[in-house]
PDB file of N, CA and C in Angstrom:
ATOM      1  N   UNK A   1     -72.971   7.283 -62.003  1.00  0.00           N
ATOM      2  CA  UNK A   1     -72.395   8.005 -62.000  1.00  0.00           C
ATOM      3  C   UNK A   1     -70.264   6.833 -62.476  1.00  0.00           C
ATOM      4  N   UNK A   2     -70.995   6.203 -62.571  1.00  0.00           N
ATOM      5  CA  UNK A   2     -69.985   4.936 -63.363  1.00  0.00           C
ATOM      6  C   UNK A   2     -70.151   5.018 -64.532  1.00  0.00           C
ATOM      7  N   UNK A   3     -71.233   5.520 -64.769  1.00  0.00           N
ATOM      8  CA  UNK A   3     -71.520   5.207 -66.627  1.00  0.00           C
ATOM      9  C   UNK A   3     -70.964   6.842 -66.849  1.00  0.00           C
ATOM     10  N   UNK A   4     -70.738   7.549 -66.745  1.00  0.00           N
ATOM     11  CA  UNK A   4     -70.362   8.768 -66.077  1.00  0.00           C
ATOM     12  C   UNK A   4     -68.739   9.140 -66.136  1.00  0.00           C
ATOM     13  N   UNK A   5     -68.443   8.241 -65.347  1.00  0.00           N
ATOM     14  CA  UNK A   5     -67.102   8.159 -65.603  1.00  0.00           C
ATOM     15  C   UNK A   5     -66.929   7.588 -66.444  1.00  0.00           C
ATOM     16  N   UNK A   6     -67.533   5.733 -66.567  1.00  0.00           N
ATOM     17  CA  UNK A   6     -66.813   5.205 -67.997  1.00  0.00           C
ATOM     18  C   UNK A   6     -66.433   5.894 -69.344  1.00  0.00           C
ATOM     19  N   UNK A   7     -67.866   6.910 -69.766  1.00  0.00           N
ATOM     20  CA  UNK A   7     -67.764   7.545 -70.531  1.00  0.00           C
ATOM     21  C   UNK A   7     -66.848   8.970 -70.457  1.00  0.00           C
ATOM     22  N   UNK A   8     -65.915   9.778 -69.670  1.00  0.00           N
ATOM     23  CA  UNK A   8     -65.310  10.249 -69.579  1.00  0.00           C
ATOM     24  C   UNK A   8     -64.180   9.643 -69.915  1.00  0.00           C
ATOM     25  N   UNK A   9     -63.861   8.552 -69.397  1.00  0.00           N
ATOM     26  CA  UNK A   9     -62.471   8.484 -69.341  1.00  0.00           C
ATOM     27  C   UNK A   9     -62.474   7.990 -71.325  1.00  0.00           C
ATOM     28  N   UNK A  10     -63.851   7.006 -71.883  1.00  0.00           N
ATOM     29  CA  UNK A  10     -63.428   6.600 -73.106  1.00  0.00           C
ATOM     30  C   UNK A  10     -63.507   7.894 -73.980  1.00  0.00           C
ATOM     31  N   UNK A  11     -64.297   8.865 -73.752  1.00  0.00           N
ATOM     32  CA  UNK A  11     -63.327  10.588 -75.111  1.00  0.00           C
ATOM     33  C   UNK A  11     -62.145  10.420 -74.645  1.00  0.00           C
ATOM     34  N   UNK A  12     -61.829  10.860 -73.157  1.00  0.00           N
ATOM     35  CA  UNK A  12     -60.622  10.801 -72.982  1.00  0.00           C
ATOM     36  C   UNK A  12     -59.478  10.199 -73.911  1.00  0.00           C
ATOM     37  N   UNK A  13     -59.528   9.067 -74.014  1.00  0.00           N
ATOM     38  CA  UNK A  13     -58.637   7.554 -74.449  1.00  0.00           C
ATOM     39  C   UNK A  13     -58.707   7.431 -75.976  1.00  0.00           C
ATOM     40  N   UNK A  14     -60.354   8.512 -76.275  1.00  0.00           N
ATOM     41  CA  UNK A  14     -60.142   8.191 -77.952  1.00  0.00           C
ATOM     42  C   UNK A  14     -59.684   9.527 -78.777  1.00  0.00           C
ATOM     43  N   UNK A  15     -59.335  10.512 -77.334  1.00  0.00           N
ATOM     44  CA  UNK A  15     -58.943  11.754 -78.100  1.00  0.00           C
ATOM     45  C   UNK A  15     -57.184  11.363 -77.688  1.00  0.00           C
ATOM     46  N   UNK A  16     -57.277  10.994 -76.570  1.00  0.00           N
ATOM     47  CA  UNK A  16     -55.648  10.634 -76.634  1.00  0.00           C
ATOM     48  C   UNK A  16     -54.654  10.108 -77.876  1.00  0.00           C
ATOM     49  N   UNK A  17     -55.873   8.874 -78.166  1.00  0.00           N
ATOM     50  CA  UNK A  17     -55.393   7.941 -79.527  1.00  0.00           C
ATOM     51  C   UNK A  17     -55.558   9.059 -81.089  1.00  0.00           C
ATOM     52  N   UNK A  18     -56.509   9.662 -80.988  1.00  0.00           N
ATOM     53  CA  UNK A  18     -56.423  10.600 -82.604  1.00  0.00           C
ATOM     54  C   UNK A  18     -55.209  11.415 -82.638  1.00  0.00           C
ATOM     55  N   UNK A  19     -54.563  11.959 -80.815  1.00  0.00           N
ATOM     56  CA  UNK A  19     -53.584  13.108 -81.064  1.00  0.00           C
ATOM     57  C   UNK A  19     -52.476  12.226 -81.347  1.00  0.00           C
ATOM     58  N   UNK A  20     -51.630  10.900 -80.605  1.00  0.00           N
ATOM     59  CA  UNK A  20     -50.866  10.088 -80.357  1.00  0.00           C
ATOM     60  C   UNK A  20     -51.071   9.389 -82.504  1.00  0.00           C
ATOM     61  N   UNK A  21     -51.773   9.422 -83.144  1.00  0.00           N
ATOM     62  CA  UNK A  21     -51.778   8.932 -84.479  1.00  0.00           C
ATOM     63  C   UNK A  21     -51.435   9.971 -85.454  1.00  0.00           C
ATOM     64  N   UNK A  22     -51.544  11.400 -84.680  1.00  0.00           N
ATOM     65  CA  UNK A  22     -51.212  12.145 -85.995  1.00  0.00           C
ATOM     66  C   UNK A  22     -49.932  12.920 -85.478  1.00  0.00           C
ATOM     67  N   UNK A  23     -49.435  12.829 -84.798  1.00  0.00           N
ATOM     68  CA  UNK A  23     -47.813  12.853 -84.460  1.00  0.00           C
ATOM     69  C   UNK A  23     -47.850  14.649 -84.028  1.00  0.00           C
ATOM     70  N   UNK A  24     -46.303  14.984 -83.898  1.00  0.00           N
ATOM     71  CA  UNK A  24     -46.378  16.262 -83.022  1.00  0.00           C
ATOM     72  C   UNK A  24     -46.517  17.018 -83.995  1.00  0.00           C
ATOM     73  N   UNK A  25     -47.674  17.963 -83.460  1.00  0.00           N
ATOM     74  CA  UNK A  25     -47.250  19.456 -84.417  1.00  0.00           C
ATOM     75  C   UNK A  25     -46.791  20.339 -83.388  1.00  0.00           C
ATOM     76  N   UNK A  26     -46.155  21.160 -83.596  1.00  0.00           N
ATOM     77  CA  UNK A  26     -45.256  22.305 -82.946  1.00  0.00           C
ATOM     78  C   UNK A  26     -46.312  23.636 -83.413  1.00  0.00           C
ATOM     79  N   UNK A  27     -46.671  24.324 -82.527  1.00  0.00           N
ATOM     80  CA  UNK A  27     -48.056  25.432 -82.570  1.00  0.00           C
ATOM     81  C   UNK A  27     -47.392  26.672 -83.244  1.00  0.00           C
ATOM     82  N   UNK A  28     -46.307  26.859 -83.596  1.00  0.00           N
ATOM     83  CA  UNK A  28     -46.367  27.711 -84.578  1.00  0.00           C
ATOM     84  C   UNK A  28     -46.669  27.220 -85.921  1.00  0.00           C
ATOM     85  N   UNK A  29     -47.099  26.255 -86.320  1.00  0.00           N
ATOM     86  CA  UNK A  29     -47.529  26.004 -87.829  1.00  0.00           C
ATOM     87  C   UNK A  29     -49.312  25.937 -87.497  1.00  0.00           C
ATOM     88  N   UNK A  30     -49.887  26.155 -86.649  1.00  0.00           N
ATOM     89  CA  UNK A  30     -51.102  25.832 -86.693  1.00  0.00           C
ATOM     90  C   UNK A  30     -51.588  27.488 -86.278  1.00  0.00           C
ATOM     91  N   UNK A  31     -50.614  28.259 -86.450  1.00  0.00           N
ATOM     92  CA  UNK A  31     -50.573  30.164 -86.112  1.00  0.00           C
ATOM     93  C   UNK A  31     -50.494  30.780 -87.421  1.00  0.00           C
ATOM     94  N   UNK A  32     -51.350  31.369 -87.937  1.00  0.00           N
ATOM     95  CA  UNK A  32     -51.497  32.324 -89.144  1.00  0.00           C
ATOM     96  C   UNK A  32     -50.117  33.134 -89.138  1.00  0.00           C
ATOM     97  N   UNK A  33     -49.365  33.524 -90.087  1.00  0.00           N
ATOM     98  CA  UNK A  33     -48.503  34.479 -90.231  1.00  0.00           C
ATOM     99  C   UNK A  33     -48.640  36.196 -90.142  1.00  0.00           C
ATOM    100  N   UNK A  34     -48.679  36.646 -88.765  1.00  0.00           N
ATOM    101  CA  UNK A  34     -48.774  37.875 -88.335  1.00  0.00           C
ATOM    102  C   UNK A  34     -48.603  38.723 -89.862  1.00  0.00           C
ATOM    103  N   UNK A  35     -47.211  38.635 -90.782  1.00  0.00           N
ATOM    104  CA  UNK A  35     -46.391  39.287 -92.115  1.00  0.00           C
ATOM    105  C   UNK A  35     -47.492  39.466 -93.008  1.00  0.00           C
ATOM    106  N   UNK A  36     -48.695  38.518 -93.196  1.00  0.00           N
ATOM    107  CA  UNK A  36     -49.514  38.390 -94.353  1.00  0.00           C
ATOM    108  C   UNK A  36     -51.507  38.640 -94.326  1.00  0.00           C
ATOM    109  N   UNK A  37     -51.235  38.647 -92.659  1.00  0.00           N
ATOM    110  CA  UNK A  37     -52.411  38.998 -91.564  1.00  0.00           C
ATOM    111  C   UNK A  37     -53.525  40.357 -91.975  1.00  0.00           C
ATOM    112  N   UNK A  38     -54.210  39.939 -92.894  1.00  0.00           N
ATOM    113  CA  UNK A  38     -55.549  41.485 -93.026  1.00  0.00           C
ATOM    114  C   UNK A  38     -55.551  42.028 -91.985  1.00  0.00           C
ATOM    115  N   UNK A  39     -55.370  41.564 -90.407  1.00  0.00           N
ATOM    116  CA  UNK A  39     -56.288  41.835 -89.151  1.00  0.00           C
ATOM    117  C   UNK A  39     -54.673  42.417 -88.427  1.00  0.00           C
ATOM    118  N   UNK A  40     -53.374  42.430 -88.767  1.00  0.00           N
ATOM    119  CA  UNK A  40     -52.255  43.012 -88.325  1.00  0.00           C
ATOM    120  C   UNK A  40     -52.154  44.603 -89.135  1.00  0.00           C
ATOM    121  N   UNK A  41     -52.283  45.646 -88.700  1.00  0.00           N
ATOM    122  CA  UNK A  41     -52.030  47.158 -89.570  1.00  0.00           C
ATOM    123  C   UNK A  41     -50.831  47.263 -89.647  1.00  0.00           C
ATOM    124  N   UNK A  42     -50.358  47.985 -90.850  1.00  0.00           N
ATOM    125  CA  UNK A  42     -49.398  48.466 -91.024  1.00  0.00           C
ATOM    126  C   UNK A  42     -48.984  49.582 -90.214  1.00  0.00           C
ATOM    127  N   UNK A  43     -47.826  49.415 -89.482  1.00  0.00           N
ATOM    128  CA  UNK A  43     -47.628  51.088 -88.679  1.00  0.00           C
ATOM    129  C   UNK A  43     -45.783  50.757 -89.071  1.00  0.00           C
ATOM    130  N   UNK A  44     -45.679  52.633 -89.435  1.00  0.00           N
ATOM    131  CA  UNK A  44     -44.708  52.931 -89.747  1.00  0.00           C
ATOM    132  C   UNK A  44     -43.322  53.023 -88.061  1.00  0.00           C
ATOM    133  N   UNK A  45     -42.514  52.964 -88.307  1.00  0.00           N
ATOM    134  CA  UNK A  45     -41.608  52.326 -86.995  1.00  0.00           C
ATOM    135  C   UNK A  45     -40.899  54.024 -87.042  1.00  0.00           C
ATOM    136  N   UNK A  46     -40.056  53.726 -85.601  1.00  0.00           N
ATOM    137  CA  UNK A  46     -39.248  55.278 -85.281  1.00  0.00           C
ATOM    138  C   UNK A  46     -39.887  56.415 -86.513  1.00  0.00           C
ATOM    139  N   UNK A  47     -39.342  57.386 -86.354  1.00  0.00           N
ATOM    140  CA  UNK A  47     -39.073  58.848 -85.974  1.00  0.00           C
ATOM    141  C   UNK A  47     -40.174  58.971 -88.348  1.00  0.00           C
ATOM    142  N   UNK A  48     -40.307  57.355 -88.422  1.00  0.00           N
ATOM    143  CA  UNK A  48     -41.076  58.355 -89.606  1.00  0.00           C
ATOM    144  C   UNK A  48     -43.033  58.493 -89.295  1.00  0.00           C
ATOM    145  N   UNK A  49     -42.892  57.514 -88.165  1.00  0.00           N
ATOM    146  CA  UNK A  49     -44.403  57.464 -87.598  1.00  0.00           C
ATOM    147  C   UNK A  49     -44.730  58.593 -87.220  1.00  0.00           C
ATOM    148  N   UNK A  50     -44.134  60.057 -86.699  1.00  0.00           N
ATOM    149  CA  UNK A  50     -44.067  60.983 -85.776  1.00  0.00           C
ATOM    150  C   UNK A  50     -44.394  62.718 -87.593  1.00  0.00           C
ATOM    151  N   UNK A  51     -45.413  62.834 -86.851  1.00  0.00           N
ATOM    152  CA  UNK A  51     -45.400  64.113 -87.539  1.00  0.00           C
ATOM    153  C   UNK A  51     -44.804  65.559 -86.808  1.00  0.00           C
ATOM    154  N   UNK A  52     -43.410  65.422 -87.854  1.00  0.00           N
ATOM    155  CA  UNK A  52     -42.548  66.926 -86.870  1.00  0.00           C
ATOM    156  C   UNK A  52     -42.717  67.860 -87.573  1.00  0.00           C
ATOM    157  N   UNK A  53     -43.811  68.376 -88.454  1.00  0.00           N
ATOM    158  CA  UNK A  53     -44.210  69.360 -88.758  1.00  0.00           C
ATOM    159  C   UNK A  53     -45.179  70.251 -87.390  1.00  0.00           C
ATOM    160  N   UNK A  54     -45.819  69.062 -86.309  1.00  0.00           N
ATOM    161  CA  UNK A  54     -46.513  69.591 -85.668  1.00  0.00           C
ATOM    162  C   UNK A  54     -46.055  69.213 -84.422  1.00  0.00           C
ATOM    163  N   UNK A  55     -45.197  68.944 -84.477  1.00  0.00           N
ATOM    164  CA  UNK A  55     -43.882  68.724 -83.283  1.00  0.00           C
ATOM    165  C   UNK A  55     -42.806  70.000 -83.292  1.00  0.00           C
ATOM    166  N   UNK A  56     -42.490  70.344 -84.500  1.00  0.00           N
ATOM    167  CA  UNK A  56     -41.678  71.368 -84.300  1.00  0.00           C
ATOM    168  C   UNK A  56     -43.166  73.473 -84.304  1.00  0.00           C
ATOM    169  N   UNK A  57     -44.371  72.606 -84.514  1.00  0.00           N
ATOM    170  CA  UNK A  57     -44.916  74.029 -83.994  1.00  0.00           C
ATOM    171  C   UNK A  57     -44.882  74.202 -82.354  1.00  0.00           C
ATOM    172  N   UNK A  58     -45.337  72.799 -81.756  1.00  0.00           N
ATOM    173  CA  UNK A  58     -45.202  72.748 -80.619  1.00  0.00           C
ATOM    174  C   UNK A  58     -44.005  73.241 -79.785  1.00  0.00           C
ATOM    175  N   UNK A  59     -42.724  73.078 -80.444  1.00  0.00           N
ATOM    176  CA  UNK A  59     -42.126  73.863 -79.602  1.00  0.00           C
ATOM    177  C   UNK A  59     -42.018  74.893 -79.752  1.00  0.00           C
ATOM    178  N   UNK A  60     -42.134  75.292 -80.901  1.00  0.00           N
ATOM    179  CA  UNK A  60     -42.228  76.875 -81.442  1.00  0.00           C
ATOM    180  C   UNK A  60     -43.572  77.595 -80.226  1.00  0.00           C
ATOM    181  N   UNK A  61     -44.752  76.974 -80.028  1.00  0.00           N
ATOM    182  CA  UNK A  61     -45.313  77.544 -78.962  1.00  0.00           C
ATOM    183  C   UNK A  61     -44.515  77.851 -77.597  1.00  0.00           C
ATOM    184  N   UNK A  62     -43.724  76.782 -77.265  1.00  0.00           N
ATOM    185  CA  UNK A  62     -44.047  76.869 -75.644  1.00  0.00           C
ATOM    186  C   UNK A  62     -42.037  77.311 -75.697  1.00  0.00           C
ATOM    187  N   UNK A  63     -41.821  77.879 -76.737  1.00  0.00           N
ATOM    188  CA  UNK A  63     -40.760  79.175 -76.456  1.00  0.00           C
ATOM    189  C   UNK A  63     -40.985  79.977 -76.519  1.00  0.00           C
ATOM    190  N   UNK A  64     -42.630  80.864 -77.271  1.00  0.00           N
ATOM    191  CA  UNK A  64     -43.282  81.736 -77.318  1.00  0.00           C
ATOM    192  C   UNK A  64     -43.402  82.039 -75.917  1.00  0.00           C
ATOM    193  N   UNK A  65     -44.107  81.272 -75.198  1.00  0.00           N
ATOM    194  CA  UNK A  65     -44.621  81.143 -74.163  1.00  0.00           C
ATOM    195  C   UNK A  65     -43.505  81.173 -72.858  1.00  0.00           C
ATOM    196  N   UNK A  66     -42.332  80.560 -72.817  1.00  0.00           N
ATOM    197  CA  UNK A  66     -41.459  80.698 -72.027  1.00  0.00           C
ATOM    198  C   UNK A  66     -40.530  82.325 -72.291  1.00  0.00           C
ATOM    199  N   UNK A  67     -41.115  82.961 -73.828  1.00  0.00           N
ATOM    200  CA  UNK A  67     -40.422  83.993 -73.772  1.00  0.00           C
ATOM    201  C   UNK A  67     -41.066  85.304 -72.542  1.00  0.00           C
ATOM    202  N   UNK A  68     -42.273  85.158 -72.924  1.00  0.00           N
ATOM    203  CA  UNK A  68     -43.450  86.261 -72.830  1.00  0.00           C
ATOM    204  C   UNK A  68     -43.417  85.982 -70.922  1.00  0.00           C
ATOM    205  N   UNK A  69     -43.619  84.809 -70.732  1.00  0.00           N
ATOM    206  CA  UNK A  69     -42.672  84.713 -69.137  1.00  0.00           C
ATOM    207  C   UNK A  69     -42.201  84.925 -68.486  1.00  0.00           C
ATOM    208  N   UNK A  70     -40.992  85.074 -68.971  1.00  0.00           N
ATOM    209  CA  UNK A  70     -39.999  86.219 -68.090  1.00  0.00           C
ATOM    210  C   UNK A  70     -40.044  87.350 -68.896  1.00  0.00           C
ATOM    211  N   UNK A  71     -40.146  87.753 -70.134  1.00  0.00           N
ATOM    212  CA  UNK A  71     -40.288  88.928 -69.836  1.00  0.00           C
ATOM    213  C   UNK A  71     -41.417  89.380 -68.318  1.00  0.00           C
ATOM    214  N   UNK A  72     -42.252  89.022 -67.973  1.00  0.00           N
ATOM    215  CA  UNK A  72     -43.169  89.546 -67.468  1.00  0.00           C
ATOM    216  C   UNK A  72     -42.869  89.108 -66.322  1.00  0.00           C
ATOM    217  N   UNK A  73     -41.924  87.905 -66.138  1.00  0.00           N
ATOM    218  CA  UNK A  73     -41.096  87.599 -64.629  1.00  0.00           C
ATOM    219  C   UNK A  73     -40.114  89.086 -64.356  1.00  0.00           C
ATOM    220  N   UNK A  74     -38.982  90.138 -65.410  1.00  0.00           N
ATOM    221  CA  UNK A  74     -38.908  90.547 -65.045  1.00  0.00           C
ATOM    222  C   UNK A  74     -39.815  92.003 -64.757  1.00  0.00           C
ATOM    223  N   UNK A  75     -40.829  92.451 -65.457  1.00  0.00           N
ATOM    224  CA  UNK A  75     -41.398  92.788 -65.663  1.00  0.00           C
ATOM    225  C   UNK A  75     -41.750  93.327 -63.685  1.00  0.00           C
ATOM    226  N   UNK A  76     -41.945  92.120 -63.018  1.00  0.00           N
ATOM    227  CA  UNK A  76     -42.583  92.268 -61.450  1.00  0.00           C
ATOM    228  C   UNK A  76     -41.517  92.784 -60.930  1.00  0.00           C
ATOM    229  N   UNK A  77     -40.592  92.842 -61.109  1.00  0.00           N
ATOM    230  CA  UNK A  77     -39.204  92.762 -60.164  1.00  0.00           C
ATOM    231  C   UNK A  77     -38.927  94.409 -60.063  1.00  0.00           C
TER     232      UNK A  77
END
């Protein structure tokens, strides 16, 4: 047990000394740039990402269904 504790302490001390020699390194330096990353997909923002023709067709369909429902409601009275 004492040997394992001594080994753990030695590993910790060596790691501590190596980090101290390197100096402080901000996390932002170790991260790759997101703008140049191949893993980050290019996404359009805002209204450019919408298919406006699909939205228009859905709105027209909803209006048509609403008119049909209004006519059937009037007939039922």
